[in-house]
Amino acid sequence: MKLVAHNAAVVLLQCLLCQLPQAAGPAQAALLMPLADQSLLLDLASAGDHLVAVGERGHILISDAAGEDWTQVSSPTAQMLTGVHFVDAMRGWAVGHDGLILATTNGGNSWSVQYSGLQQQGVINQTQLAAMKDRKTLLEQEIAGQESAELRAQQVAELEEVYLDIEDAEYALAQPLHASPLLAVYFSNPLAGYAVGAFGEYLHTRDGGVSWQRNNTFLDNPQQMHLNAITGDRGRAVWIAGEGGLLFRSLDAGESWQALSSPYHGSFFDIAYQAATGALVVAGLRGNIFTSHDKGDTWRAATVDSDRSLAGVTWLNDRYAAAVGAVGNLQFSDDGGSTFSDHSLPARTGLSSVIHHRGRLVVAGQGGIYSFRDLGDFGD
């Protein structure tokens, strides 16, 4: 099935728009739509012998035909899903708007909400209000028994600030909740996982997602730049790529993170690891692609035939790599990521994700999915 051409904004812009906070709304499952396989699909993942795609309106689709035929499955959300990852044929996770994390244990045939950024934010707001009220009570008691006029004046001034903080917290509780969108998810093994997103959002789990810990200060990202992509070596090494050329690395399964020297100060939208060679490849704005063979210590710029922005990149094997992006941009490398040649689609539609599965190159974006028959099928 070939991509349907659209005149709307490219997927890259859709991805940027999806980083804006979303207003809270009632929980709603995705509708089963006859043309869901032609909707905006943002990410792809292999789950054993089949593929899983996620995208707008909470759509989740499965293909057992290497990306040629797709079946939509039930999804517990109608919010946009932006990333999906499987650690094996059965266990997978998807992330998206409202800080949502979905999980499956049956290869993607059914999904449940494992984490909700909206619910978490509600708990945080309630906890903060309760702490402020406790502080108010304590200050009132201290003022009542305070003999020093000077200390009493200081406590009264602090109490007035607490009153204002309580008013602000109560007002916040009365407003619709907001949560930063999550943009990518990765699991090193069935227990250790990570989710990253807009405005520096970072979560990790050590129990398969039974509990998720949110710590946006764990990475050296004071400007809260978007964290767009994450990958790893299925061991203890994990890498994150993001806005403004951000690159982070952990060599101890997320216990600590190091900011890497970046070869580019424009945004990266995807990062991929090649297990056989240990090579990394990142891709982003204006067609920039860089590779590293020393775990991210140094990077080499690839020669690319196009300056159109790239949203997705993958390794096919230790020699071949592919990247996709704006205006049907499809770049292919047959020399380990040193050079990329242009094989863009005739339909100038935005592309967001690319994956190699069962001998096929499968691409997702605006209008659905394109599955290439073989490596010589580009652009047909």
Protein backbone atom coordinates (compact mmCIF):
# COMPACT_ATOMS: atom_id res chain seq x y z
CA MET A 1 0.00 0.00 0.00
CA LYS A 2 1.48 3.32 -1.05
CA LEU A 3 1.28 6.60 0.79
CA VAL A 4 -1.58 8.88 -0.14
CA ALA A 5 -0.36 12.36 -1.07
CA HIS A 6 -1.45 15.20 1.20
CA ASN A 7 -1.10 18.96 0.86
CA ALA A 8 -1.10 19.51 4.61
CA ALA A 9 1.99 20.43 6.67
CA VAL A 10 4.71 17.82 6.74
CA VAL A 11 4.94 15.30 9.53
CA LEU A 12 7.91 17.17 10.95
CA LEU A 13 5.64 20.13 11.72
CA GLN A 14 3.04 17.75 13.13
CA CYS A 15 5.71 16.39 15.46
CA LEU A 16 6.63 19.90 16.58
CA LEU A 17 2.97 20.76 17.16
CA CYS A 18 2.49 17.60 19.18
CA GLN A 19 5.07 18.90 21.65
CA LEU A 20 2.64 21.60 22.82
CA PRO A 21 0.81 20.88 26.08
CA GLN A 22 -2.67 19.46 25.61
CA ALA A 23 -5.71 20.40 27.66
CA ALA A 24 -7.12 17.65 29.83
CA GLY A 25 -10.30 15.97 28.68
CA PRO A 26 -12.36 12.92 29.53
CA ALA A 27 -10.76 9.54 28.90
CA GLN A 28 -11.80 8.28 25.49
CA ALA A 29 -10.83 5.20 23.54
CA ALA A 30 -9.75 5.46 19.92
CA LEU A 31 -12.46 4.83 17.34
CA LEU A 32 -11.97 1.93 14.97
CA MET A 33 -11.77 3.63 11.56
CA PRO A 34 -11.86 1.95 8.14
CA LEU A 35 -9.11 4.26 6.83
CA ALA A 36 -6.91 4.26 9.94
CA ASP A 37 -4.05 2.83 7.87
CA GLN A 38 -4.11 6.03 5.80
CA SER A 39 -4.04 8.39 8.78
CA LEU A 40 -1.04 10.22 10.20
CA LEU A 41 1.21 7.51 11.66
CA LEU A 42 4.26 8.65 13.60
CA ASP A 43 6.23 5.58 14.65
CA LEU A 44 6.86 1.92 13.85
CA ALA A 45 8.24 -1.02 15.83
CA SER A 46 8.93 -4.71 15.22
CA ALA A 47 7.15 -7.15 17.52
CA GLY A 48 8.49 -10.53 16.53
CA ASP A 49 7.15 -11.41 13.09
CA HIS A 50 4.74 -8.48 12.90
CA LEU A 51 4.90 -4.70 12.81
CA VAL A 52 3.11 -2.17 15.02
CA ALA A 53 2.35 1.42 14.00
CA VAL A 54 0.98 4.27 16.15
CA GLY A 55 -0.25 7.75 15.37
CA GLU A 56 -3.02 10.32 15.49
CA ARG A 57 -6.29 9.82 17.39
CA GLY A 58 -4.71 7.00 19.38
CA HIS A 59 -4.55 4.74 16.33
CA ILE A 60 -2.64 1.47 16.78
CA LEU A 61 -2.26 -0.88 13.82
CA ILE A 62 -0.66 -4.30 13.36
CA SER A 63 0.70 -5.90 10.19
CA ASP A 64 1.55 -9.57 9.75
CA ALA A 65 2.48 -8.97 6.11
CA ALA A 66 5.69 -6.95 6.52
CA GLY A 67 3.82 -3.65 6.29
CA GLU A 68 1.61 -4.28 3.26
CA ASP A 69 -1.70 -4.97 5.03
CA TRP A 70 -2.73 -3.45 8.35
CA THR A 71 -5.39 -4.12 10.97
CA GLN A 72 -6.38 -1.51 13.54
CA VAL A 73 -6.62 -2.78 17.14
CA SER A 74 -8.40 -1.25 20.10
CA SER A 75 -6.62 1.57 21.89
CA PRO A 76 -7.56 2.99 25.31
CA THR A 77 -6.89 6.58 24.21
CA ALA A 78 -7.88 8.95 21.42
CA GLN A 79 -4.85 11.14 22.09
CA MET A 80 -2.01 11.24 19.55
CA LEU A 81 0.56 8.47 20.04
CA THR A 82 4.08 9.49 19.07
CA GLY A 83 6.37 6.55 19.86
CA VAL A 84 6.31 2.76 20.18
CA HIS A 85 8.91 0.17 21.21
CA PHE A 86 8.91 -3.60 21.77
CA VAL A 87 11.49 -5.38 23.90
CA ASP A 88 10.43 -8.76 22.50
CA ALA A 89 7.60 -10.26 20.46
CA MET A 90 5.04 -9.86 23.23
CA ARG A 91 5.94 -6.91 25.46
CA GLY A 92 5.73 -3.37 24.15
CA TRP A 93 5.05 0.23 25.13
CA ALA A 94 3.63 3.28 23.33
CA VAL A 95 3.78 6.94 24.41
CA GLY A 96 1.98 10.11 23.44
CA HIS A 97 0.05 13.21 24.42
CA ASP A 98 -1.13 13.79 28.00
CA GLY A 99 2.10 12.12 29.12
CA LEU A 100 0.52 8.74 28.35
CA ILE A 101 2.33 5.43 28.45
CA LEU A 102 0.45 2.39 27.14
CA ALA A 103 1.59 -1.21 27.55
CA THR A 104 0.88 -4.54 25.90
CA THR A 105 1.86 -8.09 26.84
CA ASN A 106 0.36 -9.87 23.83
CA GLY A 107 2.25 -8.45 20.88
CA GLY A 108 0.14 -5.33 20.55
CA ASN A 109 -3.26 -6.97 20.20
CA SER A 110 -4.54 -5.22 23.32
CA TRP A 111 -3.26 -2.24 25.32
CA SER A 112 -3.76 -0.65 28.73
CA VAL A 113 -2.80 2.71 30.23
CA GLN A 114 0.27 2.21 32.39
CA TYR A 115 0.99 5.86 33.22
CA SER A 116 -0.90 9.13 32.75
CA GLY A 117 0.88 12.46 32.99
CA LEU A 118 -2.47 14.14 33.70
CA GLN A 119 -3.20 11.89 36.67
CA GLN A 120 0.35 12.35 37.94
CA GLN A 121 0.06 16.12 37.66
CA GLY A 122 -3.21 16.01 39.59
CA VAL A 123 -1.52 14.07 42.38
CA ILE A 124 1.37 16.57 42.42
CA ASN A 125 -1.02 19.52 42.63
CA GLN A 126 -2.98 17.93 45.49
CA THR A 127 0.23 17.07 47.36
CA GLN A 128 1.57 20.60 46.99
CA LEU A 129 -1.69 22.10 48.27
CA ALA A 130 -1.73 19.76 51.25
CA ALA A 131 1.86 20.69 52.11
CA MET A 132 1.04 24.40 51.93
CA LYS A 133 -1.96 23.95 54.24
CA ASP A 134 0.20 22.03 56.71
CA ARG A 135 2.73 24.87 56.60
CA LYS A 136 -0.06 27.40 57.19
CA THR A 137 -1.29 25.52 60.28
CA LEU A 138 2.24 25.24 61.68
CA LEU A 139 2.95 28.95 61.16
CA GLU A 140 -0.32 29.94 62.82
CA GLN A 141 0.60 27.83 65.85
CA GLU A 142 4.11 29.31 65.99
CA ILE A 143 2.77 32.87 65.74
CA ALA A 144 0.28 32.24 68.55
CA GLY A 145 3.09 31.22 70.90
CA GLN A 146 5.77 33.59 69.67
CA GLU A 147 7.10 36.03 72.29
CA SER A 148 9.63 37.80 70.10
CA ALA A 149 8.05 40.67 68.19
CA GLU A 150 10.77 40.51 65.53
CA LEU A 151 10.34 36.79 64.87
CA ARG A 152 6.57 37.16 65.01
CA ALA A 153 6.71 39.80 62.25
CA GLN A 154 8.85 37.48 60.10
CA GLN A 155 6.43 34.60 60.60
CA VAL A 156 3.42 36.78 59.79
CA ALA A 157 5.10 37.87 56.54
CA GLU A 158 5.82 34.23 55.66
CA LEU A 159 2.22 33.29 56.50
CA GLU A 160 0.93 35.93 54.10
CA GLU A 161 3.06 34.38 51.34
CA VAL A 162 1.68 30.94 52.19
CA TYR A 163 -1.90 32.31 51.94
CA LEU A 164 -1.11 33.54 48.43
CA ASP A 165 0.50 30.22 47.49
CA ILE A 166 -2.61 28.36 48.70
CA GLU A 167 -4.84 30.59 46.58
CA ASP A 168 -2.67 29.90 43.54
CA ALA A 169 -2.70 26.14 44.22
CA GLU A 170 -6.46 26.06 44.65
CA TYR A 171 -6.87 28.01 41.42
CA ALA A 172 -4.59 25.55 39.61
CA LEU A 173 -6.67 22.62 40.85
CA ALA A 174 -9.80 24.24 39.40
CA GLN A 175 -8.21 24.52 35.93
CA PRO A 176 -7.84 21.82 33.27
CA LEU A 177 -4.72 19.75 33.82
CA HIS A 178 -1.81 19.80 31.38
CA ALA A 179 0.99 17.29 30.85
CA SER A 180 3.94 17.41 28.49
CA PRO A 181 3.68 14.99 25.55
CA LEU A 182 6.01 12.01 25.60
CA LEU A 183 7.77 11.54 22.26
CA ALA A 184 9.81 8.34 22.51
CA VAL A 185 10.15 5.19 24.61
CA TYR A 186 12.89 2.56 24.90
CA PHE A 187 13.40 -0.57 27.01
CA SER A 188 16.80 -2.21 27.49
CA ASN A 189 15.13 -5.35 28.85
CA PRO A 190 11.64 -6.25 30.10
CA LEU A 191 12.21 -4.35 33.36
CA ALA A 192 14.39 -1.31 32.54
CA GLY A 193 12.69 1.36 30.44
CA TYR A 194 12.82 5.07 29.66
CA ALA A 195 10.40 7.62 28.21
CA VAL A 196 11.33 11.12 27.04
CA GLY A 197 9.39 14.05 25.69
CA ALA A 198 8.68 17.73 25.29
CA PHE A 199 10.05 20.36 27.69
CA GLY A 200 12.69 18.01 29.05
CA GLU A 201 10.27 15.32 30.21
CA TYR A 202 12.15 12.23 31.43
CA LEU A 203 10.80 9.10 33.13
CA HIS A 204 12.31 5.73 33.92
CA THR A 205 11.13 2.40 35.32
CA ARG A 206 12.91 -0.56 36.85
CA ASP A 207 9.87 -2.86 37.13
CA GLY A 208 8.54 -3.04 33.60
CA GLY A 209 6.39 0.03 34.01
CA VAL A 210 4.50 -1.03 37.13
CA SER A 211 5.86 2.25 38.50
CA TRP A 212 7.41 5.15 36.61
CA GLN A 213 9.69 7.76 38.21
CA ARG A 214 9.60 11.27 36.75
CA ASN A 215 12.76 13.37 37.18
CA ASN A 216 13.16 16.27 34.77
CA THR A 217 16.29 17.50 36.58
CA PHE A 218 18.17 14.23 36.12
CA LEU A 219 19.60 15.40 32.78
CA ASP A 220 21.65 18.57 32.34
CA ASN A 221 18.88 20.38 30.48
CA PRO A 222 18.16 23.65 32.34
CA GLN A 223 16.33 25.16 29.37
CA GLN A 224 13.96 22.19 29.27
CA MET A 225 14.60 21.53 25.60
CA HIS A 226 12.56 18.80 23.96
CA LEU A 227 13.93 15.27 24.18
CA ASN A 228 12.89 13.72 20.87
CA ALA A 229 14.46 10.27 20.65
CA ILE A 230 16.07 7.52 22.70
CA THR A 231 17.88 4.28 21.91
CA GLY A 232 20.31 1.83 23.51
CA ASP A 233 22.44 -1.27 23.07
CA ARG A 234 20.06 -3.58 24.97
CA GLY A 235 22.64 -3.58 27.74
CA ARG A 236 23.61 -0.72 30.03
CA ALA A 237 24.22 1.97 27.39
CA VAL A 238 21.42 4.40 26.49
CA TRP A 239 21.45 7.55 24.33
CA ILE A 240 19.03 10.49 24.07
CA ALA A 241 18.84 13.04 21.24
CA GLY A 242 16.87 16.26 21.26
CA GLU A 243 16.30 19.89 20.49
CA GLY A 244 19.22 22.25 19.99
CA GLY A 245 21.64 19.41 19.28
CA LEU A 246 21.22 17.84 22.71
CA LEU A 247 22.91 14.46 23.09
CA PHE A 248 23.01 12.51 26.36
CA ARG A 249 24.57 9.15 27.22
CA SER A 250 24.29 6.76 30.11
CA LEU A 251 26.66 3.81 30.45
CA ASP A 252 25.13 2.52 33.70
CA ALA A 253 21.51 1.84 32.73
CA GLY A 254 20.30 5.34 33.51
CA GLU A 255 21.83 5.69 36.95
CA SER A 256 23.80 8.70 35.67
CA TRP A 257 23.84 10.74 32.47
CA GLN A 258 26.53 12.64 30.60
CA ALA A 259 25.92 15.48 28.15
CA LEU A 260 27.90 14.71 24.99
CA SER A 261 29.69 17.25 22.84
CA SER A 262 27.30 17.84 19.96
CA PRO A 263 28.40 18.16 16.32
CA TYR A 264 25.35 20.29 15.48
CA HIS A 265 23.26 22.88 17.31
CA GLY A 266 20.05 22.31 15.39
CA SER A 267 17.52 19.77 16.56
CA PHE A 268 17.90 16.01 16.25
CA PHE A 269 14.69 14.02 15.78
CA ASP A 270 15.92 10.43 15.83
CA ILE A 271 18.86 8.28 16.89
CA ALA A 272 19.62 4.63 16.10
CA TYR A 273 22.16 2.05 17.31
CA GLN A 274 23.74 -0.73 15.21
CA ALA A 275 24.49 -3.74 17.38
CA ALA A 276 27.01 -5.49 15.12
CA THR A 277 29.37 -2.51 14.83
CA GLY A 278 28.38 -0.38 17.81
CA ALA A 279 27.72 2.54 15.46
CA LEU A 280 25.28 5.34 16.25
CA VAL A 281 23.49 7.55 13.75
CA VAL A 282 21.50 10.73 14.48
CA ALA A 283 19.38 12.74 12.06
CA GLY A 284 17.61 16.07 12.23
CA LEU A 285 17.03 19.50 10.77
CA ARG A 286 18.21 20.50 7.30
CA GLY A 287 19.15 16.94 6.38
CA ASN A 288 21.91 16.70 8.95
CA ILE A 289 23.12 13.17 9.69
CA PHE A 290 26.07 12.25 11.92
CA THR A 291 27.60 8.90 12.84
CA SER A 292 29.72 7.81 15.80
CA HIS A 293 31.83 4.70 16.33
CA ASP A 294 32.95 5.44 19.89
CA LYS A 295 29.63 5.52 21.77
CA GLY A 296 29.08 9.22 21.04
CA ASP A 297 32.44 10.66 22.08
CA THR A 298 33.07 11.91 18.55
CA TRP A 299 30.83 12.35 15.51
CA ARG A 300 31.42 12.50 11.76
CA ALA A 301 29.09 14.37 9.42
CA ALA A 302 27.59 12.26 6.64
CA THR A 303 27.37 13.52 3.07
CA VAL A 304 23.65 13.81 2.30
CA ASP A 305 22.00 14.54 -1.06
CA SER A 306 19.25 16.72 0.41
CA ASP A 307 18.93 19.51 2.97
CA ARG A 308 15.30 18.66 3.78
CA SER A 309 14.78 17.88 7.46
CA LEU A 310 14.79 14.29 8.68
CA ALA A 311 12.46 12.84 11.32
CA GLY A 312 13.41 9.15 11.39
CA VAL A 313 16.56 7.06 10.90
CA THR A 314 17.40 3.35 11.15
CA TRP A 315 20.12 0.79 10.47
CA LEU A 316 19.21 -2.07 8.14
CA ASN A 317 22.45 -3.91 8.99
CA ASP A 318 26.11 -3.03 9.52
CA ARG A 319 26.36 -1.53 6.03
CA TYR A 320 22.98 -0.05 5.13
CA ALA A 321 21.07 2.80 6.78
CA ALA A 322 18.01 4.84 5.83
CA ALA A 323 16.51 8.15 6.94
CA VAL A 324 13.15 9.80 6.17
CA GLY A 325 11.61 13.22 6.67
CA ALA A 326 9.93 16.23 5.11
CA VAL A 327 8.48 16.35 1.60
CA GLY A 328 8.86 12.61 0.97
CA ASN A 329 12.56 12.76 1.81
CA LEU A 330 14.13 9.30 1.86
CA GLN A 331 17.92 8.98 2.12
CA PHE A 332 19.78 5.69 1.79
CA SER A 333 23.35 4.74 2.73
CA ASP A 334 25.23 1.66 1.56
CA ASP A 335 28.57 2.52 3.18
CA GLY A 336 27.86 2.42 6.91
CA GLY A 337 26.38 5.91 7.14
CA SER A 338 29.21 7.90 5.54
CA THR A 339 27.15 9.02 2.54
CA PHE A 340 23.40 9.08 1.86
CA SER A 341 21.83 9.19 -1.62
CA ASP A 342 18.39 10.58 -2.40
CA HIS A 343 15.54 8.12 -3.08
CA SER A 344 12.65 10.43 -2.15
CA LEU A 345 9.07 9.37 -2.79
CA PRO A 346 7.20 10.86 -5.74
CA ALA A 347 4.37 11.71 -3.36
CA ARG A 348 5.86 14.72 -1.57
CA THR A 349 4.33 13.86 1.77
CA GLY A 350 5.87 14.10 5.22
CA LEU A 351 7.53 10.95 6.56
CA SER A 352 8.17 10.35 10.25
CA SER A 353 9.51 6.83 10.84
CA VAL A 354 11.42 4.09 9.00
CA ILE A 355 12.14 0.49 9.95
CA HIS A 356 13.68 -2.61 8.34
CA HIS A 357 11.50 -5.67 8.86
CA ARG A 358 11.63 -9.12 7.26
CA GLY A 359 13.67 -7.91 4.30
CA ARG A 360 11.50 -4.85 3.66
CA LEU A 361 11.97 -1.17 4.31
CA VAL A 362 8.75 0.19 5.83
CA VAL A 363 8.05 3.92 6.10
CA ALA A 364 5.29 5.72 8.05
CA GLY A 365 4.00 9.27 7.84
CA GLN A 366 1.18 11.37 6.49
CA GLY A 367 -1.31 9.20 4.66
CA GLY A 368 -0.17 5.91 6.14
CA ILE A 369 2.50 3.33 5.27
CA TYR A 370 4.77 2.50 2.35
CA SER A 371 6.42 -0.93 2.23
CA PHE A 372 9.37 -1.39 -0.14
CA ARG A 373 9.78 -4.82 -1.72
CA ASP A 374 13.58 -4.73 -1.63
CA LEU A 375 16.46 -2.29 -1.43
CA GLY A 376 16.18 -1.48 -5.14
CA ASP A 377 12.54 -0.49 -4.82
CA PHE A 378 13.17 3.07 -3.60
CA GLY A 379 11.09 5.70 -5.33
CA ASP A 380 8.97 3.24 -7.36
